[in-house]
Amino acid sequence: MNDITGRLQAVREQVAELAKLARDDQADTAQALAGQVDATLKQLAQELPARQGAAADSKTQPRAPRQEVMVCPRCALRSLHFEKGSIRPAGEGGDEFEALYRCRSCGFTTWEEVR
C-alpha cells in the first residue's frame, strides 16, 4: 500500500505542475505532462483490482456478528444494535474483525469484536 500511496502523491504533484503550466500558457509542456499522468493512472488502475482481489481472498469477512443486539454500557438498556456494513479488520493480522454498534436509546457508539 505504501508503494501506491507514494505513487499517488507523485501523480498529485504532477497534476499541480500541470495546472501551473496551463496557467502559464505552456501548452506543449502541459500536454506532455498530461500524457505522463494519464499513463501513470492507467497503470495504477490496472494494478489496483489485482491487489484488492488478493486482499479479499486472503481474509474473508464475517457477514454479521452472532450477537446483533447487546446491553448498552451507558444507559443499561438492551438497545445496542449492530450497524450493518460496518465490519472492519481489528488489527494488523486481519484474522479478527470488529463491528460498529449504536445504541438506539442514548446514541452511544462502540466498536466490538465480532464473535
PDB file of N, CA and C in Angstrom:
ATOM      1  N   MET A   1       0.809  -1.185   0.000  1.00  0.00           N
ATOM      2  CA  MET A   1       0.000   0.000   0.000  1.00  0.00           C
ATOM      3  C   MET A   1       0.860   1.260   0.000  1.00  0.00           C
ATOM      4  N   ASN A   2       2.002   1.230   0.696  1.00  0.00           N
ATOM      5  CA  ASN A   2       2.862   2.403   0.726  1.00  0.00           C
ATOM      6  C   ASN A   2       3.355   2.743  -0.663  1.00  0.00           C
ATOM      7  N   ASP A   3       3.575   1.722  -1.490  1.00  0.00           N
ATOM      8  CA  ASP A   3       4.020   1.948  -2.852  1.00  0.00           C
ATOM      9  C   ASP A   3       2.970   2.754  -3.612  1.00  0.00           C
ATOM     10  N   ILE A   4       1.717   2.376  -3.484  1.00  0.00           N
ATOM     11  CA  ILE A   4       0.640   3.084  -4.178  1.00  0.00           C
ATOM     12  C   ILE A   4       0.480   4.490  -3.613  1.00  0.00           C
ATOM     13  N   THR A   5       0.613   4.642  -2.303  1.00  0.00           N
ATOM     14  CA  THR A   5       0.479   5.960  -1.688  1.00  0.00           C
ATOM     15  C   THR A   5       1.536   6.915  -2.230  1.00  0.00           C
ATOM     16  N   GLY A   6       2.754   6.447  -2.311  1.00  0.00           N
ATOM     17  CA  GLY A   6       3.828   7.282  -2.861  1.00  0.00           C
ATOM     18  C   GLY A   6       3.603   7.633  -4.319  1.00  0.00           C
ATOM     19  N   ARG A   7       3.126   6.662  -5.066  1.00  0.00           N
ATOM     20  CA  ARG A   7       2.879   6.909  -6.489  1.00  0.00           C
ATOM     21  C   ARG A   7       1.712   7.860  -6.683  1.00  0.00           C
ATOM     22  N   LEU A   8       0.684   7.747  -5.852  1.00  0.00           N
ATOM     23  CA  LEU A   8      -0.433   8.682  -5.949  1.00  0.00           C
ATOM     24  C   LEU A   8      -0.005  10.096  -5.562  1.00  0.00           C
ATOM     25  N   GLN A   9       0.886  10.218  -4.594  1.00  0.00           N
ATOM     26  CA  GLN A   9       1.406  11.536  -4.224  1.00  0.00           C
ATOM     27  C   GLN A   9       2.177  12.143  -5.394  1.00  0.00           C
ATOM     28  N   ALA A  10       2.945  11.329  -6.116  1.00  0.00           N
ATOM     29  CA  ALA A  10       3.670  11.827  -7.288  1.00  0.00           C
ATOM     30  C   ALA A  10       2.692  12.291  -8.367  1.00  0.00           C
ATOM     31  N   VAL A  11       1.598  11.572  -8.533  1.00  0.00           N
ATOM     32  CA  VAL A  11       0.579  11.979  -9.515  1.00  0.00           C
ATOM     33  C   VAL A  11      -0.045  13.301  -9.101  1.00  0.00           C
ATOM     34  N   ARG A  12      -0.314  13.480  -7.815  1.00  0.00           N
ATOM     35  CA  ARG A  12      -0.878  14.746  -7.338  1.00  0.00           C
ATOM     36  C   ARG A  12       0.076  15.901  -7.623  1.00  0.00           C
ATOM     37  N   GLU A  13       1.374  15.674  -7.418  1.00  0.00           N
ATOM     38  CA  GLU A  13       2.358  16.718  -7.701  1.00  0.00           C
ATOM     39  C   GLU A  13       2.401  17.037  -9.189  1.00  0.00           C
ATOM     40  N   GLN A  14       2.275  16.004 -10.016  1.00  0.00           N
ATOM     41  CA  GLN A  14       2.261  16.232 -11.462  1.00  0.00           C
ATOM     42  C   GLN A  14       1.021  17.003 -11.883  1.00  0.00           C
ATOM     43  N   VAL A  15      -0.101  16.721 -11.274  1.00  0.00           N
ATOM     44  CA  VAL A  15      -1.327  17.453 -11.597  1.00  0.00           C
ATOM     45  C   VAL A  15      -1.186  18.921 -11.194  1.00  0.00           C
ATOM     46  N   ALA A  16      -0.576  19.189 -10.042  1.00  0.00           N
ATOM     47  CA  ALA A  16      -0.351  20.567  -9.614  1.00  0.00           C
ATOM     48  C   ALA A  16       0.569  21.287 -10.594  1.00  0.00           C
ATOM     49  N   GLU A  17       1.611  20.600 -11.044  1.00  0.00           N
ATOM     50  CA  GLU A  17       2.528  21.177 -12.036  1.00  0.00           C
ATOM     51  C   GLU A  17       1.793  21.433 -13.354  1.00  0.00           C
ATOM     52  N   LEU A  18       0.929  20.514 -13.727  1.00  0.00           N
ATOM     53  CA  LEU A  18       0.141  20.654 -14.946  1.00  0.00           C
ATOM     54  C   LEU A  18      -0.756  21.891 -14.875  1.00  0.00           C
ATOM     55  N   ALA A  19      -1.382  22.084 -13.732  1.00  0.00           N
ATOM     56  CA  ALA A  19      -2.232  23.266 -13.554  1.00  0.00           C
ATOM     57  C   ALA A  19      -1.408  24.542 -13.649  1.00  0.00           C
ATOM     58  N   LYS A  20      -0.202  24.527 -13.100  1.00  0.00           N
ATOM     59  CA  LYS A  20       0.676  25.701 -13.173  1.00  0.00           C
ATOM     60  C   LYS A  20       1.077  25.979 -14.614  1.00  0.00           C
ATOM     61  N   LEU A  21       1.421  24.925 -15.346  1.00  0.00           N
ATOM     62  CA  LEU A  21       1.806  25.100 -16.748  1.00  0.00           C
ATOM     63  C   LEU A  21       0.641  25.620 -17.583  1.00  0.00           C
ATOM     64  N   ALA A  22      -0.540  25.156 -17.279  1.00  0.00           N
ATOM     65  CA  ALA A  22      -1.707  25.619 -18.026  1.00  0.00           C
ATOM     66  C   ALA A  22      -1.957  27.099 -17.766  1.00  0.00           C
ATOM     67  N   ARG A  23      -1.701  27.543 -16.538  1.00  0.00           N
ATOM     68  CA  ARG A  23      -1.862  28.970 -16.224  1.00  0.00           C
ATOM     69  C   ARG A  23      -0.812  29.805 -16.935  1.00  0.00           C
ATOM     70  N   ASP A  24       0.388  29.252 -17.102  1.00  0.00           N
ATOM     71  CA  ASP A  24       1.494  29.995 -17.710  1.00  0.00           C
ATOM     72  C   ASP A  24       1.518  29.884 -19.226  1.00  0.00           C
ATOM     73  N   ASP A  25       0.484  29.290 -19.829  1.00  0.00           N
ATOM     74  CA  ASP A  25       0.375  29.144 -21.288  1.00  0.00           C
ATOM     75  C   ASP A  25       1.548  28.373 -21.898  1.00  0.00           C
ATOM     76  N   GLN A  26       1.943  27.280 -21.273  1.00  0.00           N
ATOM     77  CA  GLN A  26       2.977  26.403 -21.817  1.00  0.00           C
ATOM     78  C   GLN A  26       2.289  25.114 -22.265  1.00  0.00           C
ATOM     79  N   ALA A  27       1.580  25.200 -23.363  1.00  0.00           N
ATOM     80  CA  ALA A  27       0.703  24.120 -23.824  1.00  0.00           C
ATOM     81  C   ALA A  27       1.469  22.836 -24.150  1.00  0.00           C
ATOM     82  N   ASP A  28       2.609  22.933 -24.816  1.00  0.00           N
ATOM     83  CA  ASP A  28       3.347  21.728 -25.212  1.00  0.00           C
ATOM     84  C   ASP A  28       3.839  20.950 -23.987  1.00  0.00           C
ATOM     85  N   THR A  29       4.427  21.656 -23.050  1.00  0.00           N
ATOM     86  CA  THR A  29       4.920  21.004 -21.840  1.00  0.00           C
ATOM     87  C   THR A  29       3.756  20.431 -21.033  1.00  0.00           C
ATOM     88  N   ALA A  30       2.661  21.183 -20.967  1.00  0.00           N
ATOM     89  CA  ALA A  30       1.478  20.724 -20.234  1.00  0.00           C
ATOM     90  C   ALA A  30       0.907  19.462 -20.859  1.00  0.00           C
ATOM     91  N   GLN A  31       0.875  19.398 -22.190  1.00  0.00           N
ATOM     92  CA  GLN A  31       0.330  18.228 -22.874  1.00  0.00           C
ATOM     93  C   GLN A  31       1.208  16.996 -22.631  1.00  0.00           C
ATOM     94  N   ALA A  32       2.525  17.175 -22.628  1.00  0.00           N
ATOM     95  CA  ALA A  32       3.434  16.058 -22.370  1.00  0.00           C
ATOM     96  C   ALA A  32       3.246  15.534 -20.936  1.00  0.00           C
ATOM     97  N   LEU A  33       3.129  16.452 -19.986  1.00  0.00           N
ATOM     98  CA  LEU A  33       2.924  16.056 -18.594  1.00  0.00           C
ATOM     99  C   LEU A  33       1.571  15.376 -18.410  1.00  0.00           C
ATOM    100  N   ALA A  34       0.552  15.844 -19.116  1.00  0.00           N
ATOM    101  CA  ALA A  34      -0.772  15.223 -19.053  1.00  0.00           C
ATOM    102  C   ALA A  34      -0.697  13.779 -19.558  1.00  0.00           C
ATOM    103  N   GLY A  35       0.106  13.521 -20.579  1.00  0.00           N
ATOM    104  CA  GLY A  35       0.290  12.156 -21.078  1.00  0.00           C
ATOM    105  C   GLY A  35       0.935  11.256 -20.037  1.00  0.00           C
ATOM    106  N   GLN A  36       1.934  11.802 -19.305  1.00  0.00           N
ATOM    107  CA  GLN A  36       2.587  11.037 -18.251  1.00  0.00           C
ATOM    108  C   GLN A  36       1.614  10.699 -17.119  1.00  0.00           C
ATOM    109  N   VAL A  37       0.825  11.685 -16.716  1.00  0.00           N
ATOM    110  CA  VAL A  37      -0.153  11.469 -15.649  1.00  0.00           C
ATOM    111  C   VAL A  37      -1.175  10.424 -16.079  1.00  0.00           C
ATOM    112  N   ASP A  38      -1.646  10.512 -17.309  1.00  0.00           N
ATOM    113  CA  ASP A  38      -2.622   9.561 -17.822  1.00  0.00           C
ATOM    114  C   ASP A  38      -2.053   8.140 -17.823  1.00  0.00           C
ATOM    115  N   ALA A  39      -0.815   7.987 -18.254  1.00  0.00           N
ATOM    116  CA  ALA A  39      -0.185   6.662 -18.287  1.00  0.00           C
ATOM    117  C   ALA A  39      -0.026   6.094 -16.879  1.00  0.00           C
ATOM    118  N   THR A  40       0.362   6.947 -15.935  1.00  0.00           N
ATOM    119  CA  THR A  40       0.526   6.505 -14.551  1.00  0.00           C
ATOM    120  C   THR A  40      -0.810   6.065 -13.963  1.00  0.00           C
ATOM    121  N   LEU A  41      -1.858   6.836 -14.210  1.00  0.00           N
ATOM    122  CA  LEU A  41      -3.181   6.492 -13.684  1.00  0.00           C
ATOM    123  C   LEU A  41      -3.709   5.203 -14.309  1.00  0.00           C
ATOM    124  N   LYS A  42      -3.459   4.985 -15.602  1.00  0.00           N
ATOM    125  CA  LYS A  42      -3.895   3.743 -16.243  1.00  0.00           C
ATOM    126  C   LYS A  42      -3.191   2.546 -15.616  1.00  0.00           C
ATOM    127  N   GLN A  43      -1.898   2.687 -15.354  1.00  0.00           N
ATOM    128  CA  GLN A  43      -1.136   1.601 -14.748  1.00  0.00           C
ATOM    129  C   GLN A  43      -1.649   1.301 -13.333  1.00  0.00           C
ATOM    130  N   LEU A  44      -1.907   2.355 -12.546  1.00  0.00           N
ATOM    131  CA  LEU A  44      -2.440   2.154 -11.199  1.00  0.00           C
ATOM    132  C   LEU A  44      -3.821   1.511 -11.238  1.00  0.00           C
ATOM    133  N   ALA A  45      -4.638   1.910 -12.192  1.00  0.00           N
ATOM    134  CA  ALA A  45      -5.987   1.339 -12.320  1.00  0.00           C
ATOM    135  C   ALA A  45      -5.922  -0.148 -12.650  1.00  0.00           C
ATOM    136  N   GLN A  46      -4.920  -0.565 -13.410  1.00  0.00           N
ATOM    137  CA  GLN A  46      -4.773  -1.983 -13.740  1.00  0.00           C
ATOM    138  C   GLN A  46      -4.260  -2.783 -12.543  1.00  0.00           C
ATOM    139  N   GLU A  47      -3.387  -2.178 -11.738  1.00  0.00           N
ATOM    140  CA  GLU A  47      -2.807  -2.878 -10.594  1.00  0.00           C
ATOM    141  C   GLU A  47      -3.769  -2.971  -9.418  1.00  0.00           C
ATOM    142  N   LEU A  48      -4.607  -1.981  -9.225  1.00  0.00           N
ATOM    143  CA  LEU A  48      -5.457  -1.917  -8.046  1.00  0.00           C
ATOM    144  C   LEU A  48      -6.441  -3.077  -7.939  1.00  0.00           C
ATOM    145  N   PRO A  49      -7.200  -3.450  -8.992  1.00  0.00           N
ATOM    146  CA  PRO A  49      -8.114  -4.590  -8.833  1.00  0.00           C
ATOM    147  C   PRO A  49      -7.391  -5.888  -8.482  1.00  0.00           C
ATOM    148  N   ALA A  50      -6.195  -6.081  -9.011  1.00  0.00           N
ATOM    149  CA  ALA A  50      -5.441  -7.291  -8.695  1.00  0.00           C
ATOM    150  C   ALA A  50      -5.071  -7.315  -7.216  1.00  0.00           C
ATOM    151  N   ARG A  51      -4.670  -6.184  -6.675  1.00  0.00           N
ATOM    152  CA  ARG A  51      -4.308  -6.114  -5.261  1.00  0.00           C
ATOM    153  C   ARG A  51      -5.530  -6.283  -4.375  1.00  0.00           C
ATOM    154  N   GLN A  52      -6.651  -5.675  -4.748  1.00  0.00           N
ATOM    155  CA  GLN A  52      -7.862  -5.790  -3.947  1.00  0.00           C
ATOM    156  C   GLN A  52      -8.382  -7.218  -3.968  1.00  0.00           C
ATOM    157  N   GLY A  53      -8.305  -7.879  -5.102  1.00  0.00           N
ATOM    158  CA  GLY A  53      -8.751  -9.268  -5.204  1.00  0.00           C
ATOM    159  C   GLY A  53      -7.921 -10.179  -4.331  1.00  0.00           C
ATOM    160  N   ALA A  54      -6.614  -9.952  -4.304  1.00  0.00           N
ATOM    161  CA  ALA A  54      -5.735 -10.768  -3.479  1.00  0.00           C
ATOM    162  C   ALA A  54      -6.026 -10.532  -2.001  1.00  0.00           C
ATOM    163  N   ALA A  55      -6.287  -9.297  -1.618  1.00  0.00           N
ATOM    164  CA  ALA A  55      -6.586  -8.996  -0.223  1.00  0.00           C
ATOM    165  C   ALA A  55      -7.923  -9.593   0.183  1.00  0.00           C
ATOM    166  N   ALA A  56      -8.894  -9.546  -0.697  1.00  0.00           N
ATOM    167  CA  ALA A  56     -10.215 -10.091  -0.375  1.00  0.00           C
ATOM    168  C   ALA A  56     -10.168 -11.605  -0.233  1.00  0.00           C
ATOM    169  N   ASP A  57      -9.337 -12.266  -1.027  1.00  0.00           N
ATOM    170  CA  ASP A  57      -9.243 -13.719  -0.950  1.00  0.00           C
ATOM    171  C   ASP A  57      -8.537 -14.174   0.318  1.00  0.00           C
ATOM    172  N   SER A  58      -7.553 -13.391   0.791  1.00  0.00           N
ATOM    173  CA  SER A  58      -6.760 -13.827   1.936  1.00  0.00           C
ATOM    174  C   SER A  58      -7.533 -13.746   3.241  1.00  0.00           C
ATOM    175  N   LYS A  59      -8.478 -12.833   3.349  1.00  0.00           N
ATOM    176  CA  LYS A  59      -9.244 -12.725   4.584  1.00  0.00           C
ATOM    177  C   LYS A  59     -10.712 -12.499   4.240  1.00  0.00           C
ATOM    178  N   THR A  60     -11.522 -13.406   4.671  1.00  0.00           N
ATOM    179  CA  THR A  60     -12.945 -13.282   4.399  1.00  0.00           C
ATOM    180  C   THR A  60     -13.633 -12.709   5.621  1.00  0.00           C
ATOM    181  N   GLN A  61     -14.440 -11.696   5.399  1.00  0.00           N
ATOM    182  CA  GLN A  61     -15.143 -11.047   6.487  1.00  0.00           C
ATOM    183  C   GLN A  61     -16.403 -11.828   6.847  1.00  0.00           C
ATOM    184  N   PRO A  62     -16.729 -11.861   8.122  1.00  0.00           N
ATOM    185  CA  PRO A  62     -18.000 -12.459   8.500  1.00  0.00           C
ATOM    186  C   PRO A  62     -19.144 -11.575   8.012  1.00  0.00           C
ATOM    187  N   ARG A  63     -20.269 -12.179   7.699  1.00  0.00           N
ATOM    188  CA  ARG A  63     -21.407 -11.412   7.183  1.00  0.00           C
ATOM    189  C   ARG A  63     -22.050 -10.555   8.277  1.00  0.00           C
ATOM    190  N   ALA A  64     -22.186 -11.101   9.451  1.00  0.00           N
ATOM    191  CA  ALA A  64     -22.767 -10.364  10.570  1.00  0.00           C
ATOM    192  C   ALA A  64     -22.325 -11.028  11.866  1.00  0.00           C
ATOM    193  N   PRO A  65     -22.253 -10.268  12.935  1.00  0.00           N
ATOM    194  CA  PRO A  65     -21.889 -10.878  14.211  1.00  0.00           C
ATOM    195  C   PRO A  65     -23.018 -11.764  14.725  1.00  0.00           C
ATOM    196  N   ARG A  66     -22.671 -12.728  15.536  1.00  0.00           N
ATOM    197  CA  ARG A  66     -23.688 -13.627  16.096  1.00  0.00           C
ATOM    198  C   ARG A  66     -24.619 -12.872  17.039  1.00  0.00           C
ATOM    199  N   GLN A  67     -24.052 -11.899  17.719  1.00  0.00           N
ATOM    200  CA  GLN A  67     -24.833 -11.132  18.690  1.00  0.00           C
ATOM    201  C   GLN A  67     -25.097  -9.748  18.080  1.00  0.00           C
ATOM    202  N   GLU A  68     -26.297  -9.545  17.540  1.00  0.00           N
ATOM    203  CA  GLU A  68     -26.622  -8.285  16.865  1.00  0.00           C
ATOM    204  C   GLU A  68     -27.171  -7.232  17.814  1.00  0.00           C
ATOM    205  N   VAL A  69     -27.651  -7.628  18.987  1.00  0.00           N
ATOM    206  CA  VAL A  69     -28.175  -6.686  19.975  1.00  0.00           C
ATOM    207  C   VAL A  69     -27.513  -6.988  21.316  1.00  0.00           C
ATOM    208  N   MET A  70     -27.021  -5.920  21.978  1.00  0.00           N
ATOM    209  CA  MET A  70     -26.360  -6.079  23.274  1.00  0.00           C
ATOM    210  C   MET A  70     -26.876  -5.018  24.237  1.00  0.00           C
ATOM    211  N   VAL A  71     -26.494  -5.160  25.498  1.00  0.00           N
ATOM    212  CA  VAL A  71     -26.847  -4.171  26.510  1.00  0.00           C
ATOM    213  C   VAL A  71     -25.893  -2.991  26.379  1.00  0.00           C
ATOM    214  N   CYS A  72     -26.440  -1.804  26.347  1.00  0.00           N
ATOM    215  CA  CYS A  72     -25.635  -0.586  26.237  1.00  0.00           C
ATOM    216  C   CYS A  72     -24.922  -0.323  27.563  1.00  0.00           C
ATOM    217  N   PRO A  73     -23.609  -0.080  27.542  1.00  0.00           N
ATOM    218  CA  PRO A  73     -22.893   0.176  28.797  1.00  0.00           C
ATOM    219  C   PRO A  73     -23.227   1.545  29.398  1.00  0.00           C
ATOM    220  N   ARG A  74     -23.782   2.447  28.597  1.00  0.00           N
ATOM    221  CA  ARG A  74     -24.086   3.783  29.095  1.00  0.00           C
ATOM    222  C   ARG A  74     -25.472   3.841  29.749  1.00  0.00           C
ATOM    223  N   CYS A  75     -26.511   3.378  29.053  1.00  0.00           N
ATOM    224  CA  CYS A  75     -27.878   3.526  29.570  1.00  0.00           C
ATOM    225  C   CYS A  75     -28.442   2.222  30.137  1.00  0.00           C
ATOM    226  N   ALA A  76     -27.706   1.123  30.011  1.00  0.00           N
ATOM    227  CA  ALA A  76     -28.079  -0.184  30.575  1.00  0.00           C
ATOM    228  C   ALA A  76     -29.340  -0.780  29.959  1.00  0.00           C
ATOM    229  N   LEU A  77     -29.761  -0.295  28.805  1.00  0.00           N
ATOM    230  CA  LEU A  77     -30.890  -0.895  28.097  1.00  0.00           C
ATOM    231  C   LEU A  77     -30.362  -1.829  27.022  1.00  0.00           C
ATOM    232  N   ARG A  78     -31.164  -2.784  26.661  1.00  0.00           N
ATOM    233  CA  ARG A  78     -30.773  -3.720  25.606  1.00  0.00           C
ATOM    234  C   ARG A  78     -31.117  -3.101  24.253  1.00  0.00           C
ATOM    235  N   SER A  79     -30.384  -2.055  23.900  1.00  0.00           N
ATOM    236  CA  SER A  79     -30.684  -1.370  22.648  1.00  0.00           C
ATOM    237  C   SER A  79     -29.423  -1.020  21.859  1.00  0.00           C
ATOM    238  N   LEU A  80     -28.320  -1.697  22.143  1.00  0.00           N
ATOM    239  CA  LEU A  80     -27.081  -1.512  21.401  1.00  0.00           C
ATOM    240  C   LEU A  80     -27.116  -2.444  20.194  1.00  0.00           C
ATOM    241  N   HIS A  81     -27.371  -1.896  19.019  1.00  0.00           N
ATOM    242  CA  HIS A  81     -27.600  -2.691  17.808  1.00  0.00           C
ATOM    243  C   HIS A  81     -26.409  -2.617  16.854  1.00  0.00           C
ATOM    244  N   PHE A  82     -26.156  -3.726  16.193  1.00  0.00           N
ATOM    245  CA  PHE A  82     -25.123  -3.822  15.159  1.00  0.00           C
ATOM    246  C   PHE A  82     -25.508  -2.959  13.961  1.00  0.00           C
ATOM    247  N   GLU A  83     -24.567  -2.148  13.454  1.00  0.00           N
ATOM    248  CA  GLU A  83     -24.773  -1.330  12.261  1.00  0.00           C
ATOM    249  C   GLU A  83     -24.324  -2.142  11.051  1.00  0.00           C
ATOM    250  N   LYS A  84     -25.259  -2.493  10.194  1.00  0.00           N
ATOM    251  CA  LYS A  84     -24.944  -3.318   9.019  1.00  0.00           C
ATOM    252  C   LYS A  84     -23.935  -2.617   8.123  1.00  0.00           C
ATOM    253  N   GLY A  85     -22.995  -3.408   7.599  1.00  0.00           N
ATOM    254  CA  GLY A  85     -21.961  -2.890   6.697  1.00  0.00           C
ATOM    255  C   GLY A  85     -20.803  -2.219   7.398  1.00  0.00           C
ATOM    256  N   SER A  86     -20.700  -2.378   8.703  1.00  0.00           N
ATOM    257  CA  SER A  86     -19.648  -1.676   9.447  1.00  0.00           C
ATOM    258  C   SER A  86     -18.510  -2.577   9.904  1.00  0.00           C
ATOM    259  N   ILE A  87     -18.434  -3.800   9.432  1.00  0.00           N
ATOM    260  CA  ILE A  87     -17.394  -4.724   9.879  1.00  0.00           C
ATOM    261  C   ILE A  87     -16.059  -4.328   9.244  1.00  0.00           C
ATOM    262  N   ARG A  88     -15.011  -4.299  10.074  1.00  0.00           N
ATOM    263  CA  ARG A  88     -13.665  -3.952   9.606  1.00  0.00           C
ATOM    264  C   ARG A  88     -12.641  -4.833  10.312  1.00  0.00           C
ATOM    265  N   PRO A  89     -11.436  -4.963   9.738  1.00  0.00           N
ATOM    266  CA  PRO A  89     -10.385  -5.739  10.408  1.00  0.00           C
ATOM    267  C   PRO A  89     -10.010  -5.080  11.732  1.00  0.00           C
ATOM    268  N   ALA A  90      -9.785  -5.885  12.748  1.00  0.00           N
ATOM    269  CA  ALA A  90      -9.496  -5.353  14.079  1.00  0.00           C
ATOM    270  C   ALA A  90      -8.021  -5.036  14.277  1.00  0.00           C
ATOM    271  N   GLY A  91      -7.141  -5.685  13.530  1.00  0.00           N
ATOM    272  CA  GLY A  91      -5.720  -5.457  13.744  1.00  0.00           C
ATOM    273  C   GLY A  91      -4.934  -5.692  12.480  1.00  0.00           C
ATOM    274  N   GLU A  92      -3.631  -5.769  12.638  1.00  0.00           N
ATOM    275  CA  GLU A  92      -2.723  -5.944  11.507  1.00  0.00           C
ATOM    276  C   GLU A  92      -2.840  -7.322  10.874  1.00  0.00           C
ATOM    277  N   GLY A  93      -3.116  -8.338  11.681  1.00  0.00           N
ATOM    278  CA  GLY A  93      -3.159  -9.707  11.175  1.00  0.00           C
ATOM    279  C   GLY A  93      -4.300  -9.961  10.214  1.00  0.00           C
ATOM    280  N   GLY A  94      -5.406  -9.302  10.418  1.00  0.00           N
ATOM    281  CA  GLY A  94      -6.553  -9.485   9.547  1.00  0.00           C
ATOM    282  C   GLY A  94      -7.385 -10.712   9.861  1.00  0.00           C
ATOM    283  N   ASP A  95      -7.057 -11.410  10.959  1.00  0.00           N
ATOM    284  CA  ASP A  95      -7.811 -12.608  11.334  1.00  0.00           C
ATOM    285  C   ASP A  95      -9.022 -12.264  12.191  1.00  0.00           C
ATOM    286  N   GLU A  96      -8.966 -11.149  12.897  1.00  0.00           N
ATOM    287  CA  GLU A  96     -10.050 -10.744  13.778  1.00  0.00           C
ATOM    288  C   GLU A  96     -10.748  -9.528  13.189  1.00  0.00           C
ATOM    289  N   PHE A  97     -12.054  -9.419  13.486  1.00  0.00           N
ATOM    290  CA  PHE A  97     -12.845  -8.320  12.962  1.00  0.00           C
ATOM    291  C   PHE A  97     -13.612  -7.650  14.085  1.00  0.00           C
ATOM    292  N   GLU A  98     -13.997  -6.400  13.848  1.00  0.00           N
ATOM    293  CA  GLU A  98     -14.827  -5.680  14.790  1.00  0.00           C
ATOM    294  C   GLU A  98     -15.951  -4.989  14.031  1.00  0.00           C
ATOM    295  N   ALA A  99     -17.041  -4.737  14.745  1.00  0.00           N
ATOM    296  CA  ALA A  99     -18.223  -4.143  14.134  1.00  0.00           C
ATOM    297  C   ALA A  99     -18.685  -2.956  14.969  1.00  0.00           C
ATOM    298  N   LEU A 100     -19.317  -2.012  14.304  1.00  0.00           N
ATOM    299  CA  LEU A 100     -19.837  -0.832  14.980  1.00  0.00           C
ATOM    300  C   LEU A 100     -21.229  -1.131  15.534  1.00  0.00           C
ATOM    301  N   TYR A 101     -21.425  -0.783  16.804  1.00  0.00           N
ATOM    302  CA  TYR A 101     -22.719  -0.917  17.461  1.00  0.00           C
ATOM    303  C   TYR A 101     -23.177   0.475  17.893  1.00  0.00           C
ATOM    304  N   ARG A 102     -24.458   0.752  17.740  1.00  0.00           N
ATOM    305  CA  ARG A 102     -25.018   2.042  18.123  1.00  0.00           C
ATOM    306  C   ARG A 102     -26.268   1.811  18.978  1.00  0.00           C
ATOM    307  N   CYS A 103     -26.341   2.546  20.094  1.00  0.00           N
ATOM    308  CA  CYS A 103     -27.496   2.444  20.987  1.00  0.00           C
ATOM    309  C   CYS A 103     -28.635   3.274  20.416  1.00  0.00           C
ATOM    310  N   ARG A 104     -29.784   2.658  20.305  1.00  0.00           N
ATOM    311  CA  ARG A 104     -30.942   3.359  19.758  1.00  0.00           C
ATOM    312  C   ARG A 104     -31.666   4.185  20.819  1.00  0.00           C
ATOM    313  N   SER A 105     -31.217   4.083  22.066  1.00  0.00           N
ATOM    314  CA  SER A 105     -31.820   4.887  23.132  1.00  0.00           C
ATOM    315  C   SER A 105     -31.024   6.161  23.392  1.00  0.00           C
ATOM    316  N   CYS A 106     -29.719   6.002  23.651  1.00  0.00           N
ATOM    317  CA  CYS A 106     -28.908   7.168  24.033  1.00  0.00           C
ATOM    318  C   CYS A 106     -27.934   7.636  22.960  1.00  0.00           C
ATOM    319  N   GLY A 107     -27.751   6.840  21.892  1.00  0.00           N
ATOM    320  CA  GLY A 107     -26.860   7.235  20.807  1.00  0.00           C
ATOM    321  C   GLY A 107     -25.406   6.845  20.986  1.00  0.00           C
ATOM    322  N   PHE A 108     -25.090   6.142  22.049  1.00  0.00           N
ATOM    323  CA  PHE A 108     -23.722   5.683  22.303  1.00  0.00           C
ATOM    324  C   PHE A 108     -23.255   4.770  21.174  1.00  0.00           C
ATOM    325  N   THR A 109     -22.004   4.935  20.708  1.00  0.00           N
ATOM    326  CA  THR A 109     -21.440   4.061  19.683  1.00  0.00           C
ATOM    327  C   THR A 109     -20.152   3.432  20.205  1.00  0.00           C
ATOM    328  N   THR A 110     -19.907   2.206  19.779  1.00  0.00           N
ATOM    329  CA  THR A 110     -18.699   1.493  20.182  1.00  0.00           C
ATOM    330  C   THR A 110     -18.357   0.437  19.143  1.00  0.00           C
ATOM    331  N   TRP A 111     -17.068   0.127  19.025  1.00  0.00           N
ATOM    332  CA  TRP A 111     -16.601  -0.960  18.163  1.00  0.00           C
ATOM    333  C   TRP A 111     -16.394  -2.186  19.035  1.00  0.00           C
ATOM    334  N   GLU A 112     -17.033  -3.281  18.691  1.00  0.00           N
ATOM    335  CA  GLU A 112     -16.944  -4.523  19.468  1.00  0.00           C
ATOM    336  C   GLU A 112     -16.404  -5.642  18.581  1.00  0.00           C
ATOM    337  N   GLU A 113     -15.690  -6.581  19.203  1.00  0.00           N
ATOM    338  CA  GLU A 113     -15.148  -7.729  18.482  1.00  0.00           C
ATOM    339  C   GLU A 113     -16.284  -8.594  17.952  1.00  0.00           C
ATOM    340  N   VAL A 114     -16.133  -9.037  16.697  1.00  0.00           N
ATOM    341  CA  VAL A 114     -17.131  -9.907  16.093  1.00  0.00           C
ATOM    342  C   VAL A 114     -16.848 -11.329  16.529  1.00  0.00           C
ATOM    343  N   ARG A 115     -17.860 -11.984  17.068  1.00  0.00           N
ATOM    344  CA  ARG A 115     -17.707 -13.363  17.539  1.00  0.00           C
ATOM    345  C   ARG A 115     -18.544 -14.279  16.703  1.00  0.00           C
TER     346      ARG A 115
END
